[in-house]
Amino acid sequence: MLSNNQESISLEALVEILRNLPEQDLQRIIALVEHSTESPDEGLPIPSETLCCPHCSGNHVHHNGFVRGKQRYVCKECGRTFGQTTGSVRYKSKHSKETWEIYLEAFALRLPLREASRKCGISLSTAFFWRHKILDAISNGKNELLLCGQVQEDETYIQDNFKGNCNAENNLATRRKQERSPAYKTHRVTGHRHKRGKSTHTRGLSKQKICVPCAIDEKGRTLAKASGRGMVQPRHLSYALSSRLGDDVVMVTDKSRASQKFCDLNSLPVVQLKAGIKGCEVRGRYNLQKINNLHSRLKGLLAAFRGVSTKYLDNYLAWNGFEAENPGLNRFDLKKILLDKMQAIGSCSTYLEIFHKPPLPFPAAG
């Protein structure tokens, strides 16, 4: 045990050492100290009265020993055990919390996967898996979302893309049960290749385009979902928006027949504006500016990736919605929001679930 005199001498010596450090090393120490005060190490026990069960949300939780140096807990209501990472995006991950925080910052900055993998010291395939693990969590968090008030709705169209389907089994080092045709032959209407992202062979709005109905309410909450092929149909809007609209909704759309029919079938009040004609795009307090801005954000996001696979399109729509709902924030604020979201996501996607997603995220008849 140090005496007061020895402790003061040690502190003075430490201060002198810090004064003589280069600026870069001093900043690293400051960052480490700040990080150590943000949250306790996950190996240390958290008071059980502050926890709730990730399985049943019960509050009757007790300590249940340690496994490999990490505290375990048991819920007295459902009888299930869990750890501090259960129900979070880091569940069953062998990488440290610090590595995940670095990756979340890279995610907030939209860094390419190769750069993110270098910063975190992980493989490229792990960086890809983590991206979609996070995006799945964001997307699943919108499953109970209800839009309310004035809701602007319009659809946009994304080129279909089947990259990553043919060699999924090879990437996972599993043997194919049987030879199968490439996804572009079985799921693309024309059955031809686009040759590394080149444009379609069919002019205009064809079945090679994926219809994506998008909606945003007066509080800025967004909803977007890949729903079918080609020109928008009432069934596409039903697939994306059914059970997601509150009782007080007033739909604001363009003059499409599909929107009018969808609103009639669901007994929704609708205000239709003539898009593209000056003086007809605004009617009083009704306009389509928010939804047009959401579409612009989406096209900018997808352009940076040189096209995304259709089976992952819903994840990128959720990413676009997350950024639209949290505008004007720096990377530190976005990382903090992501950290909070990733702590309580319920069940997180596994490696196999992500890589074995179907080539089309909607019924094939769409």
Protein backbone atom coordinates (compact mmCIF):
# COMPACT_ATOMS: atom_id res chain seq x y z
CA MET A 1 0.00 0.00 0.00
CA LEU A 2 1.49 3.39 -0.99
CA SER A 3 1.78 6.19 1.56
CA ASN A 4 0.43 9.65 0.80
CA ASN A 5 3.98 10.94 0.21
CA GLN A 6 4.82 8.10 -2.20
CA GLU A 7 1.51 8.58 -4.00
CA SER A 8 2.12 12.32 -4.51
CA ILE A 9 5.63 11.64 -5.80
CA SER A 10 4.30 9.03 -8.26
CA LEU A 11 1.66 11.45 -9.47
CA GLU A 12 4.22 14.22 -9.96
CA ALA A 13 6.48 11.84 -11.88
CA LEU A 14 3.55 10.79 -14.04
CA VAL A 15 2.67 14.42 -14.81
CA GLU A 16 6.29 15.09 -15.77
CA ILE A 17 6.26 12.08 -18.10
CA LEU A 18 3.05 13.27 -19.74
CA ARG A 19 4.50 16.75 -20.28
CA ASN A 20 7.46 15.31 -22.15
CA LEU A 21 5.39 13.07 -24.41
CA PRO A 22 4.95 13.90 -28.12
CA GLU A 23 1.58 15.41 -29.02
CA GLN A 24 0.43 12.29 -30.89
CA ASP A 25 1.13 9.94 -27.96
CA LEU A 26 -0.54 12.35 -25.54
CA GLN A 27 -3.70 12.42 -27.66
CA ARG A 28 -3.78 8.62 -27.72
CA ILE A 29 -3.56 8.48 -23.92
CA ILE A 30 -6.35 11.06 -23.59
CA ALA A 31 -8.53 9.02 -25.95
CA LEU A 32 -7.87 5.83 -23.95
CA VAL A 33 -8.76 7.55 -20.68
CA GLU A 34 -11.97 8.98 -22.15
CA HIS A 35 -12.91 5.56 -23.52
CA SER A 36 -12.23 3.86 -20.17
CA THR A 37 -14.71 6.20 -18.45
CA GLU A 38 -17.51 5.64 -20.97
CA SER A 39 -18.46 2.08 -20.05
CA PRO A 40 -17.10 -0.67 -17.80
CA ASP A 41 -15.22 -3.65 -19.15
CA GLU A 42 -17.63 -6.39 -20.17
CA GLY A 43 -15.82 -8.86 -17.92
CA LEU A 44 -16.87 -6.85 -14.86
CA PRO A 45 -20.32 -7.58 -13.40
CA ILE A 46 -23.12 -5.05 -13.85
CA PRO A 47 -25.59 -4.66 -10.95
CA SER A 48 -28.40 -7.11 -11.72
CA GLU A 49 -31.11 -4.63 -10.74
CA THR A 50 -30.15 -2.44 -13.70
CA LEU A 51 -30.58 -5.27 -16.24
CA CYS A 52 -33.58 -6.73 -18.02
CA CYS A 53 -33.80 -10.11 -19.72
CA PRO A 54 -33.19 -9.93 -23.50
CA HIS A 55 -35.49 -12.95 -23.97
CA CYS A 56 -38.64 -11.97 -22.01
CA SER A 57 -37.82 -8.37 -20.94
CA GLY A 58 -38.24 -9.40 -17.31
CA ASN A 59 -36.53 -7.43 -14.51
CA HIS A 60 -36.03 -10.33 -12.07
CA VAL A 61 -32.37 -10.99 -12.97
CA HIS A 62 -29.55 -12.47 -10.86
CA HIS A 63 -25.85 -13.13 -11.35
CA ASN A 64 -25.08 -16.66 -12.55
CA GLY A 65 -21.31 -17.08 -12.35
CA PHE A 66 -18.60 -16.45 -14.93
CA VAL A 67 -17.76 -18.13 -18.24
CA ARG A 68 -14.25 -17.47 -19.60
CA GLY A 69 -13.99 -14.45 -17.32
CA LYS A 70 -17.30 -12.88 -18.38
CA GLN A 71 -20.29 -12.46 -16.10
CA ARG A 72 -23.41 -14.53 -16.82
CA TYR A 73 -26.95 -13.80 -15.65
CA VAL A 74 -30.14 -15.81 -15.17
CA CYS A 75 -33.71 -14.57 -15.48
CA LYS A 76 -35.99 -15.86 -12.70
CA GLU A 77 -39.09 -15.25 -14.82
CA CYS A 78 -38.23 -17.32 -17.92
CA GLY A 79 -35.30 -19.32 -16.52
CA ARG A 80 -32.96 -18.52 -19.42
CA THR A 81 -29.35 -17.43 -19.00
CA PHE A 82 -27.57 -14.69 -20.91
CA GLY A 83 -24.42 -12.58 -21.01
CA GLN A 84 -23.72 -8.90 -21.50
CA THR A 85 -23.57 -9.30 -25.29
CA THR A 86 -26.74 -11.41 -25.62
CA GLY A 87 -29.27 -9.52 -27.71
CA SER A 88 -26.62 -7.18 -29.11
CA VAL A 89 -24.94 -7.12 -32.51
CA ARG A 90 -21.75 -8.46 -30.86
CA TYR A 91 -23.44 -11.68 -29.75
CA LYS A 92 -21.10 -14.67 -30.39
CA SER A 93 -18.49 -12.36 -31.94
CA LYS A 94 -14.90 -13.20 -31.06
CA HIS A 95 -13.70 -9.63 -31.65
CA SER A 96 -13.41 -7.03 -28.92
CA LYS A 97 -15.78 -4.18 -28.18
CA GLU A 98 -13.07 -1.73 -29.27
CA THR A 99 -12.85 -3.38 -32.72
CA TRP A 100 -16.62 -3.10 -33.11
CA GLU A 101 -16.54 0.58 -32.14
CA ILE A 102 -13.86 1.27 -34.76
CA TYR A 103 -15.99 -0.54 -37.33
CA LEU A 104 -19.14 1.40 -36.38
CA GLU A 105 -17.22 4.64 -36.88
CA ALA A 106 -16.08 3.41 -40.31
CA PHE A 107 -19.70 2.47 -41.05
CA ALA A 108 -20.88 5.96 -40.06
CA LEU A 109 -18.28 7.42 -42.45
CA ARG A 110 -19.42 5.11 -45.30
CA LEU A 111 -15.85 3.83 -45.70
CA PRO A 112 -15.31 1.11 -48.34
CA LEU A 113 -15.12 -2.43 -46.98
CA ARG A 114 -11.41 -2.78 -47.75
CA GLU A 115 -10.54 0.38 -45.83
CA ALA A 116 -12.80 -0.61 -42.93
CA SER A 117 -11.19 -4.07 -42.76
CA ARG A 118 -7.71 -2.50 -42.64
CA LYS A 119 -8.69 -0.09 -39.85
CA CYS A 120 -10.21 -2.89 -37.77
CA GLY A 121 -7.69 -5.63 -38.55
CA ILE A 122 -10.38 -8.00 -39.84
CA SER A 123 -10.83 -9.84 -43.12
CA LEU A 124 -12.78 -8.43 -46.06
CA SER A 125 -15.50 -11.09 -45.76
CA THR A 126 -15.90 -10.29 -42.04
CA ALA A 127 -16.24 -6.58 -42.86
CA PHE A 128 -18.98 -7.42 -45.37
CA PHE A 129 -20.74 -9.70 -42.88
CA TRP A 130 -20.61 -7.05 -40.14
CA ARG A 131 -22.05 -4.42 -42.49
CA HIS A 132 -25.10 -6.55 -43.20
CA LYS A 133 -25.39 -7.70 -39.59
CA ILE A 134 -25.72 -4.02 -38.63
CA LEU A 135 -28.07 -3.26 -41.53
CA ASP A 136 -30.25 -6.27 -40.71
CA ALA A 137 -30.56 -4.95 -37.16
CA ILE A 138 -31.52 -1.47 -38.40
CA SER A 139 -34.01 -2.96 -40.87
CA ASN A 140 -35.59 -5.28 -38.29
CA GLY A 141 -35.92 -2.35 -35.90
CA LYS A 142 -38.44 -0.83 -38.32
CA ASN A 143 -40.75 -3.85 -38.32
CA GLU A 144 -43.14 -2.24 -35.83
CA LEU A 145 -42.88 1.29 -37.27
CA LEU A 146 -46.18 3.10 -37.94
CA LEU A 147 -46.21 6.23 -40.09
CA CYS A 148 -48.65 8.90 -38.98
CA GLY A 149 -50.01 12.28 -40.04
CA GLN A 150 -49.14 13.55 -43.50
CA VAL A 151 -47.30 10.78 -45.38
CA GLN A 152 -45.55 11.53 -48.67
CA GLU A 153 -45.30 8.43 -50.86
CA ASP A 154 -43.60 7.86 -54.19
CA GLU A 155 -41.74 5.00 -55.80
CA THR A 156 -38.31 4.79 -57.34
CA TYR A 157 -36.74 2.10 -59.53
CA ILE A 158 -33.42 0.30 -59.08
CA GLN A 159 -31.69 -1.89 -61.66
CA ASP A 160 -31.84 -5.58 -60.71
CA ASN A 161 -28.49 -7.08 -59.74
CA PHE A 162 -27.68 -10.71 -59.00
CA LYS A 163 -24.00 -10.54 -58.11
CA GLY A 164 -22.91 -12.75 -55.24
CA ASN A 165 -25.50 -15.49 -55.81
CA CYS A 166 -23.64 -17.94 -58.05
CA ASN A 167 -20.61 -18.46 -55.81
CA ALA A 168 -22.25 -18.14 -52.40
CA GLU A 169 -21.67 -21.83 -51.63
CA ASN A 170 -18.04 -21.59 -52.75
CA ASN A 171 -17.48 -18.55 -50.52
CA LEU A 172 -18.86 -20.51 -47.57
CA ALA A 173 -16.65 -23.53 -48.42
CA THR A 174 -19.70 -25.81 -48.71
CA ARG A 175 -20.35 -28.29 -51.49
CA ARG A 176 -23.29 -27.76 -53.79
CA LYS A 177 -25.99 -30.40 -53.57
CA GLN A 178 -26.60 -30.08 -57.29
CA GLU A 179 -25.58 -27.89 -60.17
CA ARG A 180 -27.89 -24.94 -60.64
CA SER A 181 -28.30 -22.15 -63.15
CA PRO A 182 -26.95 -18.66 -62.38
CA ALA A 183 -29.45 -16.35 -60.67
CA TYR A 184 -29.59 -13.98 -63.64
CA LYS A 185 -30.98 -16.84 -65.75
CA THR A 186 -33.58 -18.00 -63.25
CA HIS A 187 -34.71 -14.65 -61.81
CA ARG A 188 -34.09 -12.04 -64.53
CA VAL A 189 -36.93 -11.67 -67.03
CA THR A 190 -34.68 -11.52 -70.11
CA GLY A 191 -32.20 -14.10 -68.79
CA HIS A 192 -29.05 -12.34 -70.03
CA ARG A 193 -25.98 -10.96 -68.29
CA HIS A 194 -25.40 -7.27 -67.72
CA LYS A 195 -21.64 -7.75 -67.88
CA ARG A 196 -20.34 -6.12 -64.72
CA GLY A 197 -23.01 -3.52 -64.10
CA LYS A 198 -23.66 -2.28 -67.62
CA SER A 199 -27.09 -0.90 -68.46
CA THR A 200 -30.09 -3.02 -69.37
CA HIS A 201 -30.87 -4.05 -72.93
CA THR A 202 -34.49 -2.90 -72.60
CA ARG A 203 -35.25 0.80 -72.88
CA GLY A 204 -37.43 2.64 -70.40
CA LEU A 205 -39.21 1.17 -67.40
CA SER A 206 -39.06 -2.61 -67.84
CA LYS A 207 -39.28 -5.75 -65.73
CA GLN A 208 -35.52 -5.46 -65.21
CA LYS A 209 -36.17 -2.60 -62.78
CA ILE A 210 -37.03 -3.24 -59.13
CA CYS A 211 -39.95 -1.15 -57.86
CA VAL A 212 -39.19 0.45 -54.47
CA PRO A 213 -42.13 2.27 -52.83
CA CYS A 214 -40.86 4.85 -50.34
CA ALA A 215 -42.74 6.87 -47.72
CA ILE A 216 -41.87 9.53 -45.17
CA ASP A 217 -44.19 11.06 -42.57
CA GLU A 218 -44.33 14.53 -41.06
CA LYS A 219 -42.00 13.48 -38.21
CA GLY A 220 -39.29 12.39 -40.66
CA ARG A 221 -39.72 8.65 -40.13
CA THR A 222 -39.09 6.68 -43.31
CA LEU A 223 -40.15 3.42 -44.86
CA ALA A 224 -38.87 1.81 -48.08
CA LYS A 225 -39.08 -1.75 -49.37
CA ALA A 226 -38.29 -3.57 -52.60
CA SER A 227 -41.71 -4.85 -53.68
CA GLY A 228 -41.72 -6.12 -57.26
CA ARG A 229 -40.69 -5.62 -60.86
CA GLY A 230 -41.52 -2.96 -63.39
CA MET A 231 -44.20 -0.26 -63.19
CA VAL A 232 -45.72 0.21 -59.74
CA GLN A 233 -48.90 -1.77 -59.06
CA PRO A 234 -51.34 -1.58 -56.11
CA ARG A 235 -50.00 -4.94 -54.89
CA HIS A 236 -46.49 -3.44 -54.67
CA LEU A 237 -47.77 -0.65 -52.43
CA SER A 238 -49.73 -3.15 -50.32
CA TYR A 239 -46.62 -5.31 -49.87
CA ALA A 240 -44.57 -2.32 -48.70
CA LEU A 241 -47.09 -0.24 -46.74
CA SER A 242 -49.89 -2.50 -45.49
CA SER A 243 -50.17 -2.50 -41.67
CA ARG A 244 -47.54 0.28 -41.54
CA LEU A 245 -49.91 3.28 -41.68
CA GLY A 246 -51.62 4.86 -38.67
CA ASP A 247 -55.29 5.80 -38.37
CA ASP A 248 -54.67 9.54 -38.90
CA VAL A 249 -52.71 9.17 -42.16
CA VAL A 250 -53.25 11.52 -45.10
CA MET A 251 -51.44 10.19 -48.17
CA VAL A 252 -49.68 12.68 -50.47
CA THR A 253 -48.72 11.08 -53.78
CA ASP A 254 -48.23 11.83 -57.45
CA LYS A 255 -50.97 11.21 -60.02
CA SER A 256 -50.30 7.48 -60.46
CA ARG A 257 -53.30 5.19 -60.78
CA ALA A 258 -51.69 2.61 -58.50
CA SER A 259 -51.52 5.11 -55.62
CA GLN A 260 -55.15 6.12 -56.12
CA LYS A 261 -56.32 2.49 -56.20
CA PHE A 262 -54.24 1.55 -53.15
CA CYS A 263 -55.76 4.43 -51.16
CA ASP A 264 -59.27 3.51 -52.32
CA LEU A 265 -58.82 -0.14 -51.32
CA ASN A 266 -57.58 0.86 -47.85
CA SER A 267 -60.02 3.80 -47.37
CA LEU A 268 -57.18 6.29 -46.99
CA PRO A 269 -57.60 10.02 -47.69
CA VAL A 270 -55.26 11.04 -50.50
CA VAL A 271 -53.96 14.28 -52.02
CA GLN A 272 -52.50 13.73 -55.50
CA LEU A 273 -50.10 16.26 -57.00
CA LYS A 274 -48.95 16.54 -60.60
CA ALA A 275 -45.19 16.01 -60.43
CA GLY A 276 -42.92 17.78 -62.91
CA ILE A 277 -45.35 20.62 -63.74
CA LYS A 278 -44.58 24.00 -62.22
CA GLY A 279 -47.38 25.25 -60.02
CA CYS A 280 -48.93 21.78 -59.63
CA GLU A 281 -46.26 20.26 -57.34
CA VAL A 282 -47.49 22.15 -54.26
CA ARG A 283 -51.02 22.45 -52.94
CA GLY A 284 -51.16 24.46 -49.74
CA ARG A 285 -49.12 22.60 -47.14
CA TYR A 286 -48.98 19.46 -49.28
CA ASN A 287 -45.90 18.73 -51.39
CA LEU A 288 -43.50 15.94 -52.34
CA GLN A 289 -40.24 17.63 -51.36
CA LYS A 290 -39.34 15.25 -48.52
CA ILE A 291 -39.85 12.11 -50.57
CA ASN A 292 -37.90 13.56 -53.50
CA ASN A 293 -35.04 14.34 -51.12
CA LEU A 294 -35.18 10.77 -49.79
CA HIS A 295 -34.89 9.43 -53.35
CA SER A 296 -31.94 11.73 -54.04
CA ARG A 297 -30.17 10.47 -50.90
CA LEU A 298 -30.79 6.87 -51.96
CA LYS A 299 -29.35 7.33 -55.45
CA GLY A 300 -26.27 9.00 -53.95
CA LEU A 301 -25.77 6.13 -51.50
CA LEU A 302 -26.10 3.41 -54.14
CA ALA A 303 -23.87 5.25 -56.62
CA ALA A 304 -20.95 4.98 -54.20
CA PHE A 305 -21.22 1.17 -54.24
CA ARG A 306 -21.36 0.82 -58.04
CA GLY A 307 -24.60 -1.15 -57.69
CA VAL A 308 -25.74 -3.49 -54.92
CA SER A 309 -27.13 -7.01 -55.10
CA THR A 310 -30.92 -7.08 -55.19
CA LYS A 311 -31.05 -9.58 -52.32
CA TYR A 312 -29.40 -6.98 -50.06
CA LEU A 313 -31.36 -4.01 -51.41
CA ASP A 314 -33.69 -3.77 -48.39
CA ASN A 315 -30.64 -3.39 -46.13
CA TYR A 316 -29.34 -0.43 -48.12
CA LEU A 317 -32.83 1.10 -48.06
CA ALA A 318 -32.73 0.82 -44.26
CA TRP A 319 -29.26 2.45 -44.25
CA ASN A 320 -30.57 5.33 -46.33
CA GLY A 321 -33.54 5.71 -43.98
CA PHE A 322 -31.28 5.72 -40.92
CA GLU A 323 -29.17 8.55 -42.35
CA ALA A 324 -32.28 10.50 -43.42
CA GLU A 325 -33.74 10.22 -39.91
CA ASN A 326 -30.48 11.43 -38.33
CA PRO A 327 -29.40 14.33 -40.58
CA GLY A 328 -26.54 16.75 -39.97
CA LEU A 329 -24.73 14.63 -37.36
CA ASN A 330 -20.98 14.12 -37.26
CA ARG A 331 -19.43 10.66 -37.18
CA PHE A 332 -19.09 10.65 -33.37
CA ASP A 333 -22.80 11.32 -32.83
CA LEU A 334 -23.76 8.75 -35.48
CA LYS A 335 -21.45 6.20 -33.87
CA LYS A 336 -23.06 6.84 -30.47
CA ILE A 337 -26.55 6.37 -31.93
CA LEU A 338 -25.42 3.15 -33.63
CA LEU A 339 -23.84 1.87 -30.40
CA ASP A 340 -27.11 2.44 -28.54
CA LYS A 341 -29.14 0.74 -31.30
CA MET A 342 -26.80 -2.24 -31.51
CA GLN A 343 -26.99 -2.98 -27.75
CA ALA A 344 -30.62 -4.19 -27.80
CA ILE A 345 -31.60 -5.65 -31.17
CA GLY A 346 -33.11 -8.92 -29.94
CA SER A 347 -31.79 -11.62 -32.26
CA CYS A 348 -29.00 -10.84 -34.71
CA SER A 349 -28.44 -12.41 -38.12
CA THR A 350 -25.95 -15.23 -38.53
CA TYR A 351 -23.32 -15.65 -41.23
CA LEU A 352 -25.36 -18.30 -43.06
CA GLU A 353 -28.61 -16.32 -42.89
CA ILE A 354 -26.98 -13.31 -44.54
CA PHE A 355 -25.22 -15.20 -47.34
CA HIS A 356 -28.20 -17.48 -48.04
CA LYS A 357 -30.76 -14.74 -48.57
CA PRO A 358 -32.96 -15.39 -51.62
CA PRO A 359 -31.99 -13.52 -54.82
CA LEU A 360 -35.28 -11.58 -54.74
CA PRO A 361 -36.42 -9.99 -51.43
CA PHE A 362 -40.09 -10.18 -52.48
CA PRO A 363 -42.41 -12.89 -53.88
CA ALA A 364 -41.25 -14.00 -57.32
CA ALA A 365 -44.71 -13.21 -58.74
CA GLY A 366 -44.11 -9.53 -57.93
